[in-house]
Each structure stands twice: as structure tokens, then as C-alpha cells.
Amino acid sequence: MVKIEAQLKKKIEKYRVFDTMIKKIALVITLIILIASFAEGGQSWRNDEKSELSSPLPLPFLVDYNPVVADMIQGINESIVGTYVQTLQDFGPRVTGSAASTSASDYIFNQFSSMNLSVSYDPWTSSGYSDRNVEAVINGTNSSSDKIFVVCGHFDSVYGSPGADDNGAGTAAVLTAAQMMKGYNFEHTIRFVTFSGEEQGLLGSYHYAGEASSQADNIVGALNADMIGYTQTSSGGTIVKIYENSASEWITDLAINISSVYQNEIGLTINRLMGSSNSDHYPFWANGYDAIFYHEYEFNPYYHSPNDIIDNMNLTYDAIVTRLIVATLAELAVPAGPLKTDVGVEAIDSPIDNVSYPGGMRNINVTIKNYGWENQTGFNVSCEIIEISEPLTPLYFAVRKQVFYNEITITEQLQFNQSIPVHWEYSFQNISQYLIKIRTLLEGGQCPWNDE
């Protein structure tokens, strides 16, 4: 017995030594990681802290083909982005603090406003300059989420340059994103932001990201578009650069996945690059937020010159890169269903209570409401009444008999948030249970509502 106890003591002591060695090794590894983090000037450490607070999306974050997202981006073409770029170019050089810059910001504000978005100016003063950013918002429908996703680009240009590619193209991407996404619901909040002061040292975006950080805004990811509309060769029109930092690699991973999944709509090769501090993504990095920077693969030789005009751009390439940006933003914000054709049943005034109803002729009163942004007309509303003849049997096994069906065509135009009453008459029998179904059938056969 004594011999066995001695052997056990030796084994226990051996394990204690081993355990101490493991703890020392773990401590050394931890110190190495901390030193490496601070060696990057605190940037990696700060981003890791922000990412934890922001609860970023899980990795690997992969997506499948989504017809809703496809519908958003398929409408993006040369005409849409070209109209925005041409209008911005026509203001002339949009130098920060100039009348042309003010006119451009007014134009952007009015465009957002015409989309029925919540829009505001964001004035700033810095380094002897004063101007304003413009922001529009689609609020997320998930009340438990405080996540925010940003798409941004600067609208100012340098002296003497009309700034078509730098950066009418990026501003056009932001406006196009808003135009394509305004008709949809999203789980998380989207901010569409255009900055002034970029050419003077990212002044507008430093103000914006700094304010967001001071308010503890949970910006999970920002997508910055700057010079995305020039190609010199046909092969250059199949590639786009994305600049990232280590904390933001997950967004680039997602963009690569999206370009592949939406091959027919996008199909770009992503050339990912580390770093870059010369565009409006950088102030997001400096404030601990994840962000990436989309940039044309072949640099525009007309940059910062009078020849930076729409005639020297490739609008097809511009539209495809914009599709990539919008699809990435949509997948991040998580589509929650379209609004543009969202006509549904607001209320049903049922004429029976299935308990003490005596039977007889009654009105079925229904209120139909347009919950979507687009005006609706020429859609049908149907009413179906079914008798349940065996009420003690579980509903799905009971004998059902359709006793009434009728469709009414709504010919008057129903604007956003407008309601219209619809009613039918039916002579109910004195039985214990009825099922009343009201459906709206929109143009193209969509049936988004089925209320019982």
C-alpha cells in the first residue's frame, strides 16, 4: 500500500510540473500576441475591440443566390449611373466650400428626398474649410438590431476638374444604391452618405466617422466607392481593386463570394490589396470601424485634370462595379422583403363570431392598404368563404366546402400608406365555423398577402 501511494505521489508531482510548463507557455504566447498587436500602432488592437463590440457577422460569411438581391442589381445599367455622373459633372469643379459644391449637395439631397428616404445635411468645419455631407437612411425592420451598414463616396473635386470619375462615379454608386434599395425592407439599418472635403484630406469623412464613434454608433461595415468608372483595356474591365485592413478582410471575402454567386450580373475578379489611406474608408478604420475601398483596376490618367469627364469613362464597367457594391450592401443588411409592390390587408371586420352567430345576410368589410413606395392600381382583391362542417375535427382534417368566391378589381390609384375599403355580402348559415380568406393579387401574379 505504501509503495502504491509513493508511486501516486510521483505521478501527481510529474503532472504538476507539466501543468506549470503549459501555463508558462500559454503566458508567453499571450504576451507575443499583445506585443504584435501594439506593434501595428494600436490599429489591430482597436479594430479587434470594435469588432467584438459590434458583433460582426460570423465567418465564413457565405451567401447563396437570392432573387430579391438579383432583382435589385439587374436594374443597374449605364443609363442610371451615367445620368448621375453627367449631372454632377455639369456643376463644374465641385471644390469644397464653393457654390458648385453647395449646388451638388443640394442635388444629392433632393435626389434622396425624391426617393422618400429620410435625408439630412451633416455640416462640418475643419482645417479652415466648411461644407456639408449628405446622408439618407433606410431604417432596419429588426427592432432588436442596432447594426448599421454604410455605403459612401465623396462628391467634391479638385480645382479645374469636373470630377466625373473622381468622384462622380462613386457618388453615382451611392445614389444608385439608394434608388435600387428604396423599395425593400432590410433587417439592419443602411446609411447612404456622400462626403465633401475628401480632396482636402478626408475632412468630411473624418467628421462623420468621428461623430459616429463618439455616439457609439454600431457601424459594422462601410463600403467606400472612389474612382470606379475607368478602364483602359477590355481585360481591365473585368477586375476591380478592393483595399482592406486585417479587420475588414471578411467584407472582401463576402464581395468575392457575391461576385461569383451573381456571375451573370457581376462576374468581376477581385484584386484585394492591403492598406491605403487616401480615401474616405480610412477615417472609419481610424475610428475602429471595418471598411473597404472599391477602386478601378486601371488608374485613370485624366485624374485631377480638366479631362476627367464622362466621355473618358467606361459606364458599363461603372455599372457592374456598382452592382457589386449594391449586392454586397444588400446581403449585409439582409433583405426582409420588397416594399415596392407591398399591397395588403390592413383589417378584416368579420361578421361572425363562430359561437352565437344566428345566420343571415352580412357584410364582410375589409381595408386594403398600400404599404409600398410605388403607387398601385389595377390589382385584384379576392374573398373566399369556406364552411367547416365538422368543427370538432382538427381543422386540417375537417370537411371543407367553398361556398363563396369573388374578386374585385381596384381601379383607382392607391398611393403610399393609403387605404381603401372593400366589402362583400354573403348569407351565412347557422353553423358553428367558417373560414374567410382575403387575398390581394398584384400585377404579374404576385400574392404577397393571404389573410384568414
Protein backbone atom coordinates (compact mmCIF):
# COMPACT_ATOMS: atom_id res chain seq x y z
CA MET A 1 0.00 0.00 0.00
CA VAL A 2 2.85 2.37 0.89
CA LYS A 3 4.56 1.56 -2.38
CA ILE A 4 1.42 2.37 -4.35
CA GLU A 5 1.00 5.69 -2.51
CA ALA A 6 4.60 6.63 -3.31
CA GLN A 7 4.04 5.90 -6.99
CA LEU A 8 0.92 8.03 -6.98
CA LYS A 9 2.77 10.92 -5.36
CA LYS A 10 5.44 10.75 -8.08
CA LYS A 11 2.80 10.83 -10.81
CA ILE A 12 0.97 13.75 -9.18
CA GLU A 13 4.21 15.72 -8.91
CA LYS A 14 5.01 14.95 -12.54
CA TYR A 15 1.63 16.26 -13.66
CA ARG A 16 2.09 19.41 -11.54
CA VAL A 17 5.39 20.15 -13.30
CA PHE A 18 3.78 19.53 -16.68
CA ASP A 19 0.83 21.78 -15.81
CA THR A 20 3.18 24.59 -14.73
CA MET A 21 5.08 24.32 -18.03
CA ILE A 22 1.84 24.55 -20.04
CA LYS A 23 0.75 27.65 -18.14
CA LYS A 24 4.11 29.34 -18.76
CA ILE A 25 3.96 28.56 -22.48
CA ALA A 26 0.40 29.96 -22.69
CA LEU A 27 1.56 33.15 -20.91
CA VAL A 28 4.43 33.63 -23.37
CA ILE A 29 2.12 33.14 -26.37
CA THR A 30 -0.36 35.67 -24.95
CA LEU A 31 2.43 38.25 -24.48
CA ILE A 32 3.64 37.71 -28.06
CA ILE A 33 0.13 38.31 -29.41
CA LEU A 34 -0.28 41.51 -27.37
CA ILE A 35 3.12 42.86 -28.44
CA ALA A 36 2.33 42.14 -32.11
CA SER A 37 -0.98 43.95 -31.79
CA PHE A 38 0.60 47.09 -30.32
CA ALA A 39 3.41 46.95 -32.87
CA GLU A 40 0.86 47.89 -35.54
CA GLY A 41 0.37 51.24 -33.84
CA GLY A 42 -2.68 50.07 -31.96
CA GLN A 43 -4.78 49.74 -35.13
CA SER A 44 -5.29 45.97 -34.97
CA TRP A 45 -5.99 46.08 -31.23
CA ARG A 46 -8.55 48.83 -31.65
CA ASN A 47 -10.28 47.12 -34.54
CA ASP A 48 -10.48 43.83 -32.64
CA GLU A 49 -12.11 45.64 -29.73
CA LYS A 50 -14.59 47.39 -32.03
CA SER A 51 -15.40 44.18 -33.86
CA GLU A 52 -16.24 42.47 -30.60
CA LEU A 53 -18.49 45.35 -29.57
CA SER A 54 -20.11 45.44 -33.00
CA SER A 55 -20.81 41.69 -33.07
CA PRO A 56 -19.67 41.26 -36.70
CA LEU A 57 -21.26 38.69 -38.94
CA PRO A 58 -19.93 35.14 -38.48
CA LEU A 59 -17.13 33.82 -40.66
CA PRO A 60 -17.07 32.35 -43.15
CA PHE A 61 -19.97 34.51 -44.27
CA LEU A 62 -21.16 32.89 -47.49
CA VAL A 63 -24.32 33.62 -49.45
CA ASP A 64 -26.49 31.80 -51.94
CA TYR A 65 -28.21 33.31 -54.97
CA ASN A 66 -31.08 35.49 -53.76
CA PRO A 67 -33.73 36.50 -56.34
CA VAL A 68 -34.54 39.60 -54.28
CA VAL A 69 -30.94 40.83 -54.47
CA ALA A 70 -30.78 39.87 -58.14
CA ASP A 71 -33.86 41.97 -58.77
CA MET A 72 -32.18 44.98 -57.13
CA ILE A 73 -28.99 44.86 -59.15
CA GLN A 74 -30.36 43.82 -62.53
CA GLY A 75 -31.87 47.29 -62.91
CA ILE A 76 -28.46 48.97 -62.58
CA ASN A 77 -27.22 49.99 -66.01
CA GLU A 78 -25.18 52.58 -67.90
CA SER A 79 -28.14 54.94 -68.21
CA ILE A 80 -28.77 55.18 -64.46
CA VAL A 81 -25.16 55.71 -63.36
CA GLY A 82 -24.44 57.88 -66.41
CA THR A 83 -27.28 60.28 -65.62
CA TYR A 84 -25.96 60.84 -62.11
CA VAL A 85 -22.35 61.26 -63.29
CA GLN A 86 -23.32 63.69 -66.08
CA THR A 87 -25.40 65.84 -63.71
CA LEU A 88 -22.55 66.07 -61.21
CA GLN A 89 -20.06 66.87 -63.96
CA ASP A 90 -22.31 69.68 -65.20
CA PHE A 91 -21.90 71.54 -61.90
CA GLY A 92 -18.29 72.11 -62.90
CA PRO A 93 -15.42 71.68 -60.43
CA ARG A 94 -17.08 70.91 -57.08
CA VAL A 95 -14.38 72.36 -54.87
CA THR A 96 -15.10 72.07 -51.16
CA GLY A 97 -16.75 75.23 -49.84
CA SER A 98 -17.62 76.53 -53.31
CA ALA A 99 -21.04 77.36 -54.76
CA ALA A 100 -20.71 74.37 -57.08
CA SER A 101 -20.18 72.07 -54.10
CA THR A 102 -23.28 73.52 -52.42
CA SER A 103 -25.31 73.01 -55.61
CA ALA A 104 -24.09 69.42 -55.87
CA SER A 105 -25.05 68.68 -52.25
CA ASP A 106 -28.48 70.22 -52.85
CA TYR A 107 -28.91 67.97 -55.89
CA ILE A 108 -27.93 64.88 -53.88
CA PHE A 109 -30.27 65.89 -51.05
CA ASN A 110 -33.17 66.35 -53.49
CA GLN A 111 -32.49 63.01 -55.15
CA PHE A 112 -32.62 61.20 -51.82
CA SER A 113 -35.74 63.14 -50.86
CA SER A 114 -37.50 62.18 -54.11
CA MET A 115 -36.95 58.53 -53.13
CA ASN A 116 -38.97 59.09 -49.94
CA LEU A 117 -35.91 58.44 -47.79
CA SER A 118 -35.09 60.14 -44.51
CA VAL A 119 -32.39 62.64 -45.56
CA SER A 120 -30.31 65.28 -43.80
CA TYR A 121 -27.30 67.57 -44.22
CA ASP A 122 -24.28 66.99 -41.99
CA PRO A 123 -22.37 70.30 -41.76
CA TRP A 124 -18.72 70.35 -40.69
CA THR A 125 -15.83 72.80 -40.23
CA SER A 126 -12.21 71.70 -40.25
CA SER A 127 -8.74 72.99 -41.22
CA GLY A 128 -10.14 76.30 -42.44
CA TYR A 129 -12.84 74.69 -44.61
CA SER A 130 -16.59 74.48 -44.10
CA ASP A 131 -19.01 72.35 -46.09
CA ARG A 132 -21.55 69.58 -45.54
CA ASN A 133 -22.06 65.89 -46.10
CA VAL A 134 -25.42 64.45 -47.16
CA GLU A 135 -26.93 61.34 -45.57
CA ALA A 136 -30.04 59.29 -46.33
CA VAL A 137 -31.25 56.35 -44.24
CA ILE A 138 -33.30 53.18 -44.61
CA ASN A 139 -34.04 52.06 -41.07
CA GLY A 140 -33.82 48.35 -40.31
CA THR A 141 -37.00 46.45 -39.55
CA ASN A 142 -35.42 44.29 -36.84
CA SER A 143 -36.12 46.20 -33.64
CA SER A 144 -33.57 44.11 -31.73
CA SER A 145 -30.71 45.06 -34.08
CA ASP A 146 -28.59 48.20 -33.79
CA LYS A 147 -26.33 47.20 -36.69
CA ILE A 148 -25.61 49.88 -39.29
CA PHE A 149 -24.09 49.45 -42.75
CA VAL A 150 -22.75 52.43 -44.72
CA VAL A 151 -22.20 52.97 -48.43
CA CYS A 152 -20.29 56.16 -49.16
CA GLY A 153 -18.33 58.26 -51.64
CA HIS A 154 -17.14 61.85 -51.90
CA PHE A 155 -18.80 64.33 -54.25
CA ASP A 156 -16.18 67.11 -54.18
CA SER A 157 -13.48 67.50 -56.82
CA VAL A 158 -10.26 69.50 -57.21
CA TYR A 159 -9.81 72.90 -58.84
CA GLY A 160 -10.11 72.76 -62.62
CA SER A 161 -11.56 69.25 -62.77
CA PRO A 162 -15.23 68.40 -63.41
CA GLY A 163 -14.60 65.18 -61.45
CA ALA A 164 -16.59 62.65 -63.49
CA ASP A 165 -14.64 59.60 -62.37
CA ASP A 166 -13.16 61.29 -59.28
CA ASN A 167 -15.63 61.05 -57.82
CA GLY A 168 -18.89 61.45 -59.69
CA ALA A 169 -18.67 57.70 -60.25
CA GLY A 170 -18.58 56.90 -56.53
CA THR A 171 -21.34 59.38 -55.72
CA ALA A 172 -23.42 57.87 -58.53
CA ALA A 173 -22.92 54.44 -56.92
CA VAL A 174 -24.31 55.74 -53.62
CA LEU A 175 -27.31 57.37 -55.33
CA THR A 176 -27.92 54.27 -57.44
CA ALA A 177 -27.77 52.07 -54.35
CA ALA A 178 -30.45 54.21 -52.73
CA GLN A 179 -32.55 54.18 -55.90
CA MET A 180 -32.41 50.39 -56.18
CA MET A 181 -32.86 49.62 -52.47
CA LYS A 182 -35.56 52.11 -51.50
CA GLY A 183 -38.30 49.66 -52.46
CA TYR A 184 -37.21 46.97 -50.00
CA ASN A 185 -37.14 46.26 -46.28
CA PHE A 186 -33.88 45.26 -44.57
CA GLU A 187 -33.19 43.73 -41.18
CA HIS A 188 -30.44 46.24 -40.41
CA THR A 189 -30.12 49.98 -40.98
CA ILE A 190 -28.47 51.31 -44.15
CA ARG A 191 -26.90 54.76 -44.43
CA PHE A 192 -26.19 56.31 -47.82
CA VAL A 193 -23.56 59.00 -47.27
CA THR A 194 -21.81 61.42 -49.64
CA PHE A 195 -18.86 63.44 -48.34
CA SER A 196 -17.31 66.78 -49.15
CA GLY A 197 -13.76 67.71 -48.16
CA GLU A 198 -12.13 64.50 -49.40
CA GLU A 199 -9.68 66.32 -51.63
CA GLN A 200 -8.54 68.50 -48.69
CA GLY A 201 -7.65 65.49 -46.55
CA LEU A 202 -10.79 63.42 -45.93
CA LEU A 203 -12.27 66.23 -43.84
CA GLY A 204 -15.95 65.36 -44.29
CA SER A 205 -15.48 61.66 -43.61
CA TYR A 206 -13.24 62.28 -40.58
CA HIS A 207 -16.03 64.42 -39.16
CA TYR A 208 -18.68 61.79 -39.93
CA ALA A 209 -16.79 58.75 -38.62
CA GLY A 210 -15.65 60.67 -35.54
CA GLU A 211 -19.20 61.70 -34.71
CA ALA A 212 -20.41 58.13 -35.23
CA SER A 213 -17.74 56.82 -32.88
CA SER A 214 -18.48 59.44 -30.20
CA GLN A 215 -22.15 58.43 -30.35
CA ALA A 216 -21.22 54.71 -30.18
CA ASP A 217 -22.99 54.03 -33.48
CA ASN A 218 -22.68 50.32 -34.26
CA ILE A 219 -21.36 50.62 -37.81
CA VAL A 220 -20.50 47.02 -38.64
CA GLY A 221 -19.19 47.73 -42.14
CA ALA A 222 -18.65 50.64 -44.54
CA LEU A 223 -18.32 50.35 -48.32
CA ASN A 224 -16.46 53.26 -49.92
CA ALA A 225 -16.56 53.88 -53.69
CA ASP A 226 -13.93 56.18 -55.20
CA MET A 227 -13.00 56.21 -58.90
CA ILE A 228 -14.79 53.10 -60.15
CA GLY A 229 -15.57 54.13 -63.75
CA TYR A 230 -12.40 53.97 -65.88
CA THR A 231 -10.85 51.14 -67.89
CA GLN A 232 -8.11 51.28 -70.48
CA THR A 233 -8.33 47.69 -71.74
CA SER A 234 -11.09 45.13 -72.06
CA SER A 235 -9.39 42.88 -69.52
CA GLY A 236 -9.20 45.78 -67.08
CA GLY A 237 -12.96 45.98 -67.25
CA THR A 238 -13.23 42.55 -65.63
CA ILE A 239 -11.25 43.37 -62.48
CA VAL A 240 -11.82 45.71 -59.54
CA LYS A 241 -9.49 46.55 -56.67
CA ILE A 242 -10.65 46.35 -53.07
CA TYR A 243 -8.44 47.85 -50.37
CA GLU A 244 -8.82 46.37 -46.88
CA ASN A 245 -7.18 46.17 -43.48
CA SER A 246 -6.88 42.97 -41.49
CA ALA A 247 -10.09 43.60 -39.54
CA SER A 248 -12.07 44.19 -42.74
CA GLU A 249 -10.96 41.15 -44.72
CA TRP A 250 -14.29 39.46 -44.02
CA ILE A 251 -16.10 42.11 -46.11
CA THR A 252 -13.77 41.49 -49.06
CA ASP A 253 -14.35 37.76 -48.65
CA LEU A 254 -18.06 38.43 -48.93
CA ALA A 255 -17.62 40.62 -52.02
CA ILE A 256 -15.62 37.86 -53.72
CA ASN A 257 -18.33 35.34 -52.86
CA ILE A 258 -21.05 37.67 -54.19
CA SER A 259 -19.25 38.36 -57.46
CA SER A 260 -19.09 34.62 -58.04
CA VAL A 261 -22.65 33.80 -56.91
CA TYR A 262 -24.06 36.59 -59.10
CA GLN A 263 -21.80 35.66 -62.00
CA ASN A 264 -24.27 36.70 -64.71
CA GLU A 265 -24.99 40.06 -63.12
CA ILE A 266 -21.44 40.88 -61.89
CA GLY A 267 -18.69 38.31 -62.52
CA LEU A 268 -15.77 40.60 -61.62
CA THR A 269 -12.38 39.37 -60.43
CA ILE A 270 -11.45 40.97 -57.11
CA ASN A 271 -7.86 42.18 -56.71
CA ARG A 272 -7.55 42.57 -52.95
CA LEU A 273 -4.91 44.91 -51.55
CA MET A 274 -3.87 45.74 -48.02
CA GLY A 275 -3.82 49.30 -46.71
CA SER A 276 -4.38 52.66 -48.44
CA SER A 277 -5.16 55.83 -46.51
CA ASN A 278 -6.12 58.13 -49.38
CA SER A 279 -9.91 57.81 -49.48
CA ASP A 280 -12.95 58.02 -47.24
CA HIS A 281 -12.76 54.48 -45.87
CA TYR A 282 -9.70 55.44 -43.83
CA PRO A 283 -11.45 57.60 -41.18
CA PHE A 284 -13.68 54.58 -40.47
CA TRP A 285 -10.55 52.50 -39.84
CA ALA A 286 -9.12 55.28 -37.66
CA ASN A 287 -12.27 55.18 -35.54
CA GLY A 288 -12.26 51.42 -35.14
CA TYR A 289 -14.81 50.53 -37.82
CA ASP A 290 -14.46 47.89 -40.53
CA ALA A 291 -14.49 49.30 -44.07
CA ILE A 292 -13.32 48.52 -47.60
CA PHE A 293 -12.49 50.74 -50.58
CA TYR A 294 -13.59 49.88 -54.15
CA HIS A 295 -11.29 51.30 -56.85
CA GLU A 296 -10.88 50.81 -60.60
CA TYR A 297 -8.20 48.30 -61.63
CA GLU A 298 -6.58 50.54 -64.25
CA PHE A 299 -5.91 54.01 -62.89
CA ASN A 300 -7.50 56.93 -64.73
CA PRO A 301 -4.78 59.08 -66.37
CA TYR A 302 -7.23 62.02 -66.53
CA TYR A 303 -7.42 62.09 -62.73
CA HIS A 304 -7.42 65.64 -61.29
CA SER A 305 -7.49 67.23 -64.72
CA PRO A 306 -9.98 69.09 -66.96
CA ASN A 307 -10.31 65.85 -68.94
CA ASP A 308 -11.86 63.87 -66.10
CA ILE A 309 -15.16 63.80 -67.98
CA ILE A 310 -17.83 61.22 -68.65
CA ASP A 311 -16.62 60.75 -72.24
CA ASN A 312 -13.42 59.24 -70.88
CA MET A 313 -15.22 56.76 -68.65
CA ASN A 314 -16.47 53.23 -69.23
CA LEU A 315 -20.07 53.37 -67.96
CA THR A 316 -20.58 49.62 -68.45
CA TYR A 317 -17.73 48.94 -66.04
CA ASP A 318 -19.04 51.63 -63.69
CA ALA A 319 -22.47 49.95 -63.63
CA ILE A 320 -21.03 46.48 -62.96
CA VAL A 321 -18.87 47.68 -60.07
CA THR A 322 -21.93 49.48 -58.70
CA ARG A 323 -23.83 46.19 -58.90
CA LEU A 324 -21.14 44.54 -56.80
CA ILE A 325 -21.36 47.30 -54.19
CA VAL A 326 -25.16 47.19 -54.01
CA ALA A 327 -25.29 43.39 -53.83
CA THR A 328 -22.70 43.35 -51.04
CA LEU A 329 -24.60 46.03 -49.12
CA ALA A 330 -27.91 44.20 -49.57
CA GLU A 331 -26.53 40.88 -48.34
CA LEU A 332 -25.00 42.60 -45.31
CA ALA A 333 -28.22 44.41 -44.39
CA VAL A 334 -30.32 41.24 -45.03
CA PRO A 335 -33.36 41.81 -47.27
CA ALA A 336 -36.65 41.42 -45.42
CA GLY A 337 -38.96 41.56 -48.43
CA PRO A 338 -39.93 44.05 -51.14
CA LEU A 339 -41.91 47.16 -50.42
CA LYS A 340 -42.48 48.42 -53.92
CA THR A 341 -45.41 46.04 -54.55
CA ASP A 342 -46.47 45.59 -50.95
CA VAL A 343 -50.26 45.97 -51.03
CA GLY A 344 -52.03 44.06 -48.29
CA VAL A 345 -54.90 43.66 -45.88
CA GLU A 346 -54.90 46.21 -43.09
CA ALA A 347 -58.07 44.99 -41.32
CA ILE A 348 -60.94 42.50 -41.64
CA ASP A 349 -64.26 43.19 -39.96
CA SER A 350 -65.55 39.62 -39.63
CA PRO A 351 -69.37 39.38 -39.45
CA ILE A 352 -69.41 36.14 -37.49
CA ASP A 353 -68.06 35.02 -34.12
CA ASN A 354 -68.49 31.27 -34.68
CA VAL A 355 -70.22 30.88 -31.31
CA SER A 356 -73.57 32.63 -31.18
CA TYR A 357 -73.97 33.78 -34.77
CA PRO A 358 -77.63 33.35 -35.83
CA GLY A 359 -77.00 33.35 -39.57
CA GLY A 360 -78.32 35.68 -42.26
CA MET A 361 -77.05 38.27 -44.76
CA ARG A 362 -73.98 40.11 -43.57
CA ASN A 363 -71.30 42.47 -44.97
CA ILE A 364 -67.66 41.41 -44.99
CA ASN A 365 -65.73 44.67 -44.61
CA VAL A 366 -62.01 44.74 -45.45
CA THR A 367 -59.46 47.56 -45.53
CA ILE A 368 -56.71 47.26 -48.15
CA LYS A 369 -53.54 49.35 -47.72
CA ASN A 370 -50.57 50.18 -49.93
CA TYR A 371 -47.53 49.63 -47.72
CA GLY A 372 -45.12 50.11 -50.65
CA TRP A 373 -43.35 53.12 -52.08
CA GLU A 374 -44.80 52.73 -55.57
CA ASN A 375 -48.35 53.75 -56.44
CA GLN A 376 -50.55 50.75 -57.21
CA THR A 377 -53.59 50.39 -59.43
CA GLY A 378 -55.35 47.65 -61.35
CA PHE A 379 -54.92 44.88 -58.78
CA ASN A 380 -57.49 42.36 -57.55
CA VAL A 381 -58.74 41.61 -54.05
CA SER A 382 -60.46 38.27 -53.56
CA CYS A 383 -62.74 36.90 -50.87
CA GLU A 384 -63.21 33.17 -50.32
CA ILE A 385 -65.63 31.72 -47.75
CA ILE A 386 -65.38 28.11 -46.66
CA GLU A 387 -67.77 26.17 -44.44
CA ILE A 388 -66.22 23.85 -41.86
CA SER A 389 -68.89 21.19 -41.41
CA GLU A 390 -67.15 19.13 -38.72
CA PRO A 391 -65.99 21.65 -36.14
CA LEU A 392 -64.97 19.03 -33.56
CA THR A 393 -62.49 17.53 -36.02
CA PRO A 394 -59.00 19.08 -36.18
CA LEU A 395 -59.13 21.89 -38.76
CA TYR A 396 -56.78 20.30 -41.27
CA PHE A 397 -58.84 17.09 -41.33
CA ALA A 398 -62.30 18.67 -41.32
CA VAL A 399 -64.53 18.58 -44.39
CA ARG A 400 -64.29 21.93 -46.14
CA LYS A 401 -66.73 23.33 -48.65
CA GLN A 402 -66.19 26.52 -50.61
CA VAL A 403 -69.48 28.41 -50.59
CA PHE A 404 -68.35 31.81 -51.91
CA TYR A 405 -65.58 33.26 -54.06
CA ASN A 406 -65.38 36.71 -55.65
CA GLU A 407 -62.67 39.05 -56.96
CA ILE A 408 -62.90 42.84 -57.03
CA THR A 409 -60.57 44.89 -59.24
CA ILE A 410 -59.22 48.09 -57.68
CA THR A 411 -59.09 50.62 -60.48
CA GLU A 412 -58.27 53.75 -58.50
CA GLN A 413 -54.64 54.58 -57.76
CA LEU A 414 -53.50 53.69 -54.27
CA GLN A 415 -50.59 55.85 -53.08
CA PHE A 416 -48.06 55.01 -50.37
CA ASN A 417 -49.71 54.45 -46.99
CA GLN A 418 -53.18 54.99 -48.47
CA SER A 419 -56.08 52.66 -47.59
CA ILE A 420 -59.29 51.73 -49.36
CA PRO A 421 -62.38 49.88 -48.07
CA VAL A 422 -63.66 46.78 -49.86
CA HIS A 423 -66.75 44.78 -48.96
CA TRP A 424 -68.79 41.75 -49.96
CA GLU A 425 -72.22 40.43 -48.92
CA TYR A 426 -72.99 36.81 -48.10
CA SER A 427 -75.90 34.99 -46.45
CA PHE A 428 -74.30 32.87 -43.73
CA GLN A 429 -75.94 29.71 -42.41
CA ASN A 430 -76.28 28.98 -38.73
CA ILE A 431 -73.30 26.63 -38.47
CA SER A 432 -70.51 26.79 -35.98
CA GLN A 433 -67.43 27.59 -38.10
CA TYR A 434 -66.49 29.49 -41.27
CA LEU A 435 -63.12 30.25 -42.81
CA ILE A 436 -62.79 33.62 -44.59
CA LYS A 437 -59.74 34.20 -46.83
CA ILE A 438 -58.83 37.61 -48.22
CA ARG A 439 -56.08 37.86 -50.83
CA THR A 440 -54.52 40.67 -52.84
CA LEU A 441 -53.33 39.71 -56.31
CA LEU A 442 -50.95 42.24 -57.85
CA GLU A 443 -49.88 42.65 -61.43
CA GLY A 444 -47.64 39.80 -62.53
CA GLY A 445 -49.39 37.27 -60.33
CA GLN A 446 -47.77 38.22 -57.02
CA CYS A 447 -49.80 37.28 -54.00
CA PRO A 448 -47.96 38.75 -51.01
CA TRP A 449 -50.90 38.60 -48.60
CA ASN A 450 -53.17 35.75 -47.62
CA ASP A 451 -55.17 36.69 -44.55
CA GLU A 452 -57.61 34.38 -42.85
